[in-house]
Amino acid sequence: MTAERESGGDVDIDARGLKCPWPALRLARTMRSNDQVTVVADDPMAASEFAALATENGWQIDKVSTRIGDGWRISR
């Protein structure tokens, strides 16, 4: 299931079921117009891809717990 929200809730990107690089690509696209994004992904490679994107762009990344599972909050 994949979903991106406009507002409300605690997850901006539900990338469960997507294999990398798709979760990272969705994150990068969503960060173009947002200062903070919460993403949940279950691909084991997602954490390292998110960390690489954060490092490359100077973003902060934090592990968070959401209503649908563990995820990451990425912010500028």
PDB file of N, CA and C in Angstrom:
ATOM      1  N   MET A   1       0.847  -1.184   0.000  1.00  0.00           N
ATOM      2  CA  MET A   1       0.000   0.000   0.000  1.00  0.00           C
ATOM      3  C   MET A   1       0.883   1.236   0.000  1.00  0.00           C
ATOM      4  N   THR A   2       0.577   2.195  -0.834  1.00  0.00           N
ATOM      5  CA  THR A   2       1.310   3.451  -0.819  1.00  0.00           C
ATOM      6  C   THR A   2       0.320   4.599  -0.768  1.00  0.00           C
ATOM      7  N   ALA A   3       0.661   5.559   0.023  1.00  0.00           N
ATOM      8  CA  ALA A   3      -0.209   6.726   0.137  1.00  0.00           C
ATOM      9  C   ALA A   3       0.632   7.919   0.514  1.00  0.00           C
ATOM     10  N   GLU A   4       0.255   9.048   0.029  1.00  0.00           N
ATOM     11  CA  GLU A   4       0.874  10.297   0.427  1.00  0.00           C
ATOM     12  C   GLU A   4      -0.242  11.207   0.882  1.00  0.00           C
ATOM     13  N   ARG A   5      -0.039  11.859   1.995  1.00  0.00           N
ATOM     14  CA  ARG A   5      -1.102  12.701   2.532  1.00  0.00           C
ATOM     15  C   ARG A   5      -0.848  14.162   2.223  1.00  0.00           C
ATOM     16  N   GLU A   6      -1.911  14.903   2.196  1.00  0.00           N
ATOM     17  CA  GLU A   6      -1.809  16.345   2.041  1.00  0.00           C
ATOM     18  C   GLU A   6      -1.696  16.990   3.414  1.00  0.00           C
ATOM     19  N   SER A   7      -2.506  16.537   4.372  1.00  0.00           N
ATOM     20  CA  SER A   7      -2.443  17.080   5.712  1.00  0.00           C
ATOM     21  C   SER A   7      -3.149  16.131   6.665  1.00  0.00           C
ATOM     22  N   GLY A   8      -2.818  16.243   7.948  1.00  0.00           N
ATOM     23  CA  GLY A   8      -3.426  15.403   8.955  1.00  0.00           C
ATOM     24  C   GLY A   8      -2.740  14.057   9.050  1.00  0.00           C
ATOM     25  N   GLY A   9      -3.002  13.325  10.141  1.00  0.00           N
ATOM     26  CA  GLY A   9      -2.375  12.026  10.326  1.00  0.00           C
ATOM     27  C   GLY A   9      -0.923  12.171  10.728  1.00  0.00           C
ATOM     28  N   ASP A  10      -0.242  11.062  10.865  1.00  0.00           N
ATOM     29  CA  ASP A  10       1.151  11.140  11.283  1.00  0.00           C
ATOM     30  C   ASP A  10       2.120  10.539  10.278  1.00  0.00           C
ATOM     31  N   VAL A  11       1.640  10.090   9.124  1.00  0.00           N
ATOM     32  CA  VAL A  11       2.498   9.527   8.093  1.00  0.00           C
ATOM     33  C   VAL A  11       2.261  10.269   6.790  1.00  0.00           C
ATOM     34  N   ASP A  12       3.325  10.797   6.220  1.00  0.00           N
ATOM     35  CA  ASP A  12       3.218  11.478   4.929  1.00  0.00           C
ATOM     36  C   ASP A  12       3.341  10.481   3.779  1.00  0.00           C
ATOM     37  N   ILE A  13       4.240   9.511   3.939  1.00  0.00           N
ATOM     38  CA  ILE A  13       4.457   8.518   2.885  1.00  0.00           C
ATOM     39  C   ILE A  13       4.392   7.134   3.498  1.00  0.00           C
ATOM     40  N   ASP A  14       3.473   6.323   3.009  1.00  0.00           N
ATOM     41  CA  ASP A  14       3.375   4.921   3.389  1.00  0.00           C
ATOM     42  C   ASP A  14       3.976   4.128   2.238  1.00  0.00           C
ATOM     43  N   ALA A  15       5.240   3.762   2.386  1.00  0.00           N
ATOM     44  CA  ALA A  15       5.949   3.064   1.313  1.00  0.00           C
ATOM     45  C   ALA A  15       6.096   1.576   1.608  1.00  0.00           C
ATOM     46  N   ARG A  16       5.246   1.057   2.490  1.00  0.00           N
ATOM     47  CA  ARG A  16       5.291  -0.376   2.768  1.00  0.00           C
ATOM     48  C   ARG A  16       4.965  -1.140   1.500  1.00  0.00           C
ATOM     49  N   GLY A  17       5.732  -2.174   1.240  1.00  0.00           N
ATOM     50  CA  GLY A  17       5.530  -2.985   0.049  1.00  0.00           C
ATOM     51  C   GLY A  17       6.322  -2.526  -1.162  1.00  0.00           C
ATOM     52  N   LEU A  18       6.913  -1.341  -1.085  1.00  0.00           N
ATOM     53  CA  LEU A  18       7.734  -0.843  -2.198  1.00  0.00           C
ATOM     54  C   LEU A  18       9.189  -1.229  -1.968  1.00  0.00           C
ATOM     55  N   LYS A  19       9.848  -1.635  -3.016  1.00  0.00           N
ATOM     56  CA  LYS A  19      11.274  -1.973  -2.944  1.00  0.00           C
ATOM     57  C   LYS A  19      12.097  -0.769  -3.380  1.00  0.00           C
ATOM     58  N   CYS A  20      13.252  -0.624  -2.752  1.00  0.00           N
ATOM     59  CA  CYS A  20      14.148   0.468  -3.113  1.00  0.00           C
ATOM     60  C   CYS A  20      14.545   0.324  -4.567  1.00  0.00           C
ATOM     61  N   PRO A  21      14.615   1.447  -5.259  1.00  0.00           N
ATOM     62  CA  PRO A  21      14.758   2.815  -4.773  1.00  0.00           C
ATOM     63  C   PRO A  21      13.445   3.582  -4.603  1.00  0.00           C
ATOM     64  N   TRP A  22      12.278   2.957  -4.792  1.00  0.00           N
ATOM     65  CA  TRP A  22      11.015   3.696  -4.796  1.00  0.00           C
ATOM     66  C   TRP A  22      10.724   4.460  -3.512  1.00  0.00           C
ATOM     67  N   PRO A  23      10.936   3.888  -2.315  1.00  0.00           N
ATOM     68  CA  PRO A  23      10.689   4.698  -1.112  1.00  0.00           C
ATOM     69  C   PRO A  23      11.556   5.955  -1.063  1.00  0.00           C
ATOM     70  N   ALA A  24      12.820   5.832  -1.436  1.00  0.00           N
ATOM     71  CA  ALA A  24      13.731   6.987  -1.434  1.00  0.00           C
ATOM     72  C   ALA A  24      13.322   8.010  -2.487  1.00  0.00           C
ATOM     73  N   LEU A  25      12.873   7.557  -3.631  1.00  0.00           N
ATOM     74  CA  LEU A  25      12.426   8.483  -4.676  1.00  0.00           C
ATOM     75  C   LEU A  25      11.178   9.248  -4.231  1.00  0.00           C
ATOM     76  N   ARG A  26      10.268   8.571  -3.556  1.00  0.00           N
ATOM     77  CA  ARG A  26       9.071   9.252  -3.042  1.00  0.00           C
ATOM     78  C   ARG A  26       9.452  10.274  -1.976  1.00  0.00           C
ATOM     79  N   LEU A  27      10.404   9.903  -1.123  1.00  0.00           N
ATOM     80  CA  LEU A  27      10.873  10.834  -0.102  1.00  0.00           C
ATOM     81  C   LEU A  27      11.475  12.076  -0.750  1.00  0.00           C
ATOM     82  N   ALA A  28      12.365  11.885  -1.695  1.00  0.00           N
ATOM     83  CA  ALA A  28      13.025  13.023  -2.360  1.00  0.00           C
ATOM     84  C   ALA A  28      11.996  13.928  -3.031  1.00  0.00           C
ATOM     85  N   ARG A  29      11.024  13.343  -3.691  1.00  0.00           N
ATOM     86  CA  ARG A  29       9.997  14.143  -4.370  1.00  0.00           C
ATOM     87  C   ARG A  29       9.164  14.932  -3.359  1.00  0.00           C
ATOM     88  N   THR A  30       8.785  14.289  -2.256  1.00  0.00           N
ATOM     89  CA  THR A  30       7.950  14.949  -1.262  1.00  0.00           C
ATOM     90  C   THR A  30       8.704  16.055  -0.539  1.00  0.00           C
ATOM     91  N   MET A  31       9.998  15.880  -0.325  1.00  0.00           N
ATOM     92  CA  MET A  31      10.807  16.902   0.349  1.00  0.00           C
ATOM     93  C   MET A  31      11.019  18.135  -0.511  1.00  0.00           C
ATOM     94  N   ARG A  32      10.735  18.061  -1.803  1.00  0.00           N
ATOM     95  CA  ARG A  32      10.850  19.250  -2.660  1.00  0.00           C
ATOM     96  C   ARG A  32       9.935  20.365  -2.186  1.00  0.00           C
ATOM     97  N   SER A  33       8.771  19.991  -1.657  1.00  0.00           N
ATOM     98  CA  SER A  33       7.782  21.002  -1.283  1.00  0.00           C
ATOM     99  C   SER A  33       7.403  20.958   0.198  1.00  0.00           C
ATOM    100  N   ASN A  34       8.171  20.242   1.007  1.00  0.00           N
ATOM    101  CA  ASN A  34       7.886  20.136   2.437  1.00  0.00           C
ATOM    102  C   ASN A  34       9.171  20.297   3.237  1.00  0.00           C
ATOM    103  N   ASP A  35       9.044  20.817   4.450  1.00  0.00           N
ATOM    104  CA  ASP A  35      10.196  20.948   5.335  1.00  0.00           C
ATOM    105  C   ASP A  35      10.366  19.735   6.236  1.00  0.00           C
ATOM    106  N   GLN A  36       9.303  18.928   6.349  1.00  0.00           N
ATOM    107  CA  GLN A  36       9.367  17.738   7.194  1.00  0.00           C
ATOM    108  C   GLN A  36       8.469  16.664   6.611  1.00  0.00           C
ATOM    109  N   VAL A  37       8.959  15.434   6.604  1.00  0.00           N
ATOM    110  CA  VAL A  37       8.217  14.303   6.063  1.00  0.00           C
ATOM    111  C   VAL A  37       8.401  13.124   7.006  1.00  0.00           C
ATOM    112  N   THR A  38       7.317  12.387   7.235  1.00  0.00           N
ATOM    113  CA  THR A  38       7.399  11.125   7.965  1.00  0.00           C
ATOM    114  C   THR A  38       7.101  10.017   6.974  1.00  0.00           C
ATOM    115  N   VAL A  39       7.977   9.020   6.936  1.00  0.00           N
ATOM    116  CA  VAL A  39       7.840   7.927   5.982  1.00  0.00           C
ATOM    117  C   VAL A  39       7.952   6.594   6.710  1.00  0.00           C
ATOM    118  N   VAL A  40       7.121   5.655   6.292  1.00  0.00           N
ATOM    119  CA  VAL A  40       7.184   4.284   6.787  1.00  0.00           C
ATOM    120  C   VAL A  40       7.475   3.399   5.591  1.00  0.00           C
ATOM    121  N   ALA A  41       8.508   2.570   5.713  1.00  0.00           N
ATOM    122  CA  ALA A  41       8.889   1.658   4.631  1.00  0.00           C
ATOM    123  C   ALA A  41       9.367   0.353   5.261  1.00  0.00           C
ATOM    124  N   ASP A  42       9.105  -0.763   4.586  1.00  0.00           N
ATOM    125  CA  ASP A  42       9.518  -2.048   5.136  1.00  0.00           C
ATOM    126  C   ASP A  42      10.642  -2.722   4.353  1.00  0.00           C
ATOM    127  N   ASP A  43      11.142  -2.086   3.314  1.00  0.00           N
ATOM    128  CA  ASP A  43      12.295  -2.633   2.609  1.00  0.00           C
ATOM    129  C   ASP A  43      13.530  -2.444   3.487  1.00  0.00           C
ATOM    130  N   PRO A  44      14.307  -3.505   3.728  1.00  0.00           N
ATOM    131  CA  PRO A  44      15.490  -3.392   4.593  1.00  0.00           C
ATOM    132  C   PRO A  44      16.517  -2.364   4.106  1.00  0.00           C
ATOM    133  N   MET A  45      16.525  -2.066   2.831  1.00  0.00           N
ATOM    134  CA  MET A  45      17.472  -1.099   2.277  1.00  0.00           C
ATOM    135  C   MET A  45      17.018   0.346   2.481  1.00  0.00           C
ATOM    136  N   ALA A  46      15.776   0.562   2.843  1.00  0.00           N
ATOM    137  CA  ALA A  46      15.221   1.911   2.933  1.00  0.00           C
ATOM    138  C   ALA A  46      15.991   2.785   3.927  1.00  0.00           C
ATOM    139  N   ALA A  47      16.323   2.241   5.087  1.00  0.00           N
ATOM    140  CA  ALA A  47      17.010   3.049   6.106  1.00  0.00           C
ATOM    141  C   ALA A  47      18.315   3.620   5.572  1.00  0.00           C
ATOM    142  N   SER A  48      19.105   2.809   4.895  1.00  0.00           N
ATOM    143  CA  SER A  48      20.387   3.309   4.376  1.00  0.00           C
ATOM    144  C   SER A  48      20.180   4.288   3.226  1.00  0.00           C
ATOM    145  N   GLU A  49      19.159   4.064   2.410  1.00  0.00           N
ATOM    146  CA  GLU A  49      18.862   5.000   1.317  1.00  0.00           C
ATOM    147  C   GLU A  49      18.393   6.344   1.869  1.00  0.00           C
ATOM    148  N   PHE A  50      17.535   6.319   2.904  1.00  0.00           N
ATOM    149  CA  PHE A  50      17.068   7.558   3.522  1.00  0.00           C
ATOM    150  C   PHE A  50      18.228   8.305   4.161  1.00  0.00           C
ATOM    151  N   ALA A  51      19.105   7.564   4.844  1.00  0.00           N
ATOM    152  CA  ALA A  51      20.264   8.184   5.491  1.00  0.00           C
ATOM    153  C   ALA A  51      21.178   8.835   4.457  1.00  0.00           C
ATOM    154  N   ALA A  52      21.393   8.171   3.325  1.00  0.00           N
ATOM    155  CA  ALA A  52      22.236   8.733   2.270  1.00  0.00           C
ATOM    156  C   ALA A  52      21.611  10.010   1.701  1.00  0.00           C
ATOM    157  N   LEU A  53      20.308   9.993   1.467  1.00  0.00           N
ATOM    158  CA  LEU A  53      19.624  11.199   0.977  1.00  0.00           C
ATOM    159  C   LEU A  53      19.738  12.336   1.979  1.00  0.00           C
ATOM    160  N   ALA A  54      19.541  12.015   3.262  1.00  0.00           N
ATOM    161  CA  ALA A  54      19.622  13.040   4.300  1.00  0.00           C
ATOM    162  C   ALA A  54      21.014  13.654   4.359  1.00  0.00           C
ATOM    163  N   THR A  55      22.029  12.832   4.317  1.00  0.00           N
ATOM    164  CA  THR A  55      23.409  13.318   4.349  1.00  0.00           C
ATOM    165  C   THR A  55      23.700  14.189   3.134  1.00  0.00           C
ATOM    166  N   GLU A  56      23.292  13.726   1.973  1.00  0.00           N
ATOM    167  CA  GLU A  56      23.544  14.444   0.725  1.00  0.00           C
ATOM    168  C   GLU A  56      22.878  15.822   0.701  1.00  0.00           C
ATOM    169  N   ASN A  57      21.698  15.922   1.324  1.00  0.00           N
ATOM    170  CA  ASN A  57      20.928  17.168   1.274  1.00  0.00           C
ATOM    171  C   ASN A  57      20.978  17.992   2.549  1.00  0.00           C
ATOM    172  N   GLY A  58      21.708  17.520   3.551  1.00  0.00           N
ATOM    173  CA  GLY A  58      21.805  18.260   4.804  1.00  0.00           C
ATOM    174  C   GLY A  58      20.542  18.197   5.644  1.00  0.00           C
ATOM    175  N   TRP A  59      19.749  17.127   5.482  1.00  0.00           N
ATOM    176  CA  TRP A  59      18.536  16.948   6.246  1.00  0.00           C
ATOM    177  C   TRP A  59      18.835  16.211   7.537  1.00  0.00           C
ATOM    178  N   GLN A  60      17.959  16.382   8.519  1.00  0.00           N
ATOM    179  CA  GLN A  60      18.051  15.620   9.761  1.00  0.00           C
ATOM    180  C   GLN A  60      17.111  14.429   9.639  1.00  0.00           C
ATOM    181  N   ILE A  61      17.543  13.280  10.147  1.00  0.00           N
ATOM    182  CA  ILE A  61      16.710  12.085  10.086  1.00  0.00           C
ATOM    183  C   ILE A  61      16.614  11.475  11.479  1.00  0.00           C
ATOM    184  N   ASP A  62      15.398  11.153  11.882  1.00  0.00           N
ATOM    185  CA  ASP A  62      15.151  10.563  13.197  1.00  0.00           C
ATOM    186  C   ASP A  62      14.229   9.369  13.047  1.00  0.00           C
ATOM    187  N   LYS A  63      14.501   8.324  13.801  1.00  0.00           N
ATOM    188  CA  LYS A  63      13.630   7.150  13.847  1.00  0.00           C
ATOM    189  C   LYS A  63      12.408   7.516  14.681  1.00  0.00           C
ATOM    190  N   VAL A  64      11.205   7.166  14.204  1.00  0.00           N
ATOM    191  CA  VAL A  64       9.966   7.465  14.917  1.00  0.00           C
ATOM    192  C   VAL A  64       9.045   6.249  14.885  1.00  0.00           C
ATOM    193  N   SER A  65       8.096   6.255  15.786  1.00  0.00           N
ATOM    194  CA  SER A  65       7.058   5.233  15.811  1.00  0.00           C
ATOM    195  C   SER A  65       5.761   5.892  15.369  1.00  0.00           C
ATOM    196  N   THR A  66       5.059   5.277  14.429  1.00  0.00           N
ATOM    197  CA  THR A  66       3.802   5.825  13.921  1.00  0.00           C
ATOM    198  C   THR A  66       2.681   4.830  14.198  1.00  0.00           C
ATOM    199  N   ARG A  67       1.476   5.212  13.881  1.00  0.00           N
ATOM    200  CA  ARG A  67       0.331   4.325  14.108  1.00  0.00           C
ATOM    201  C   ARG A  67       0.370   3.090  13.218  1.00  0.00           C
ATOM    202  N   ILE A  68       1.140   3.120  12.135  1.00  0.00           N
ATOM    203  CA  ILE A  68       1.214   1.956  11.238  1.00  0.00           C
ATOM    204  C   ILE A  68       2.559   1.245  11.309  1.00  0.00           C
ATOM    205  N   GLY A  69       3.434   1.692  12.188  1.00  0.00           N
ATOM    206  CA  GLY A  69       4.724   1.028  12.357  1.00  0.00           C
ATOM    207  C   GLY A  69       5.870   2.001  12.492  1.00  0.00           C
ATOM    208  N   ASP A  70       7.053   1.448  12.615  1.00  0.00           N
ATOM    209  CA  ASP A  70       8.252   2.279  12.753  1.00  0.00           C
ATOM    210  C   ASP A  70       8.560   2.973  11.428  1.00  0.00           C
ATOM    211  N   GLY A  71       9.080   4.185  11.559  1.00  0.00           N
ATOM    212  CA  GLY A  71       9.397   4.945  10.372  1.00  0.00           C
ATOM    213  C   GLY A  71      10.488   5.956  10.660  1.00  0.00           C
ATOM    214  N   TRP A  72      10.594   6.949   9.801  1.00  0.00           N
ATOM    215  CA  TRP A  72      11.613   7.982   9.908  1.00  0.00           C
ATOM    216  C   TRP A  72      10.971   9.338   9.691  1.00  0.00           C
ATOM    217  N   ARG A  73      11.439  10.327  10.455  1.00  0.00           N
ATOM    218  CA  ARG A  73      11.025  11.711  10.243  1.00  0.00           C
ATOM    219  C   ARG A  73      12.237  12.438   9.672  1.00  0.00           C
ATOM    220  N   ILE A  74      12.062  12.994   8.519  1.00  0.00           N
ATOM    221  CA  ILE A  74      13.145  13.712   7.840  1.00  0.00           C
ATOM    222  C   ILE A  74      12.747  15.179   7.805  1.00  0.00           C
ATOM    223  N   SER A  75      13.691  16.039   8.185  1.00  0.00           N
ATOM    224  CA  SER A  75      13.401  17.474   8.210  1.00  0.00           C
ATOM    225  C   SER A  75      14.587  18.266   7.722  1.00  0.00           C
ATOM    226  N   ARG A  76      14.299  19.477   7.283  1.00  0.00           N
ATOM    227  CA  ARG A  76      15.348  20.384   6.820  1.00  0.00           C
ATOM    228  C   ARG A  76      16.006  21.037   8.003  1.00  0.00           C
TER     229      ARG A  76
END
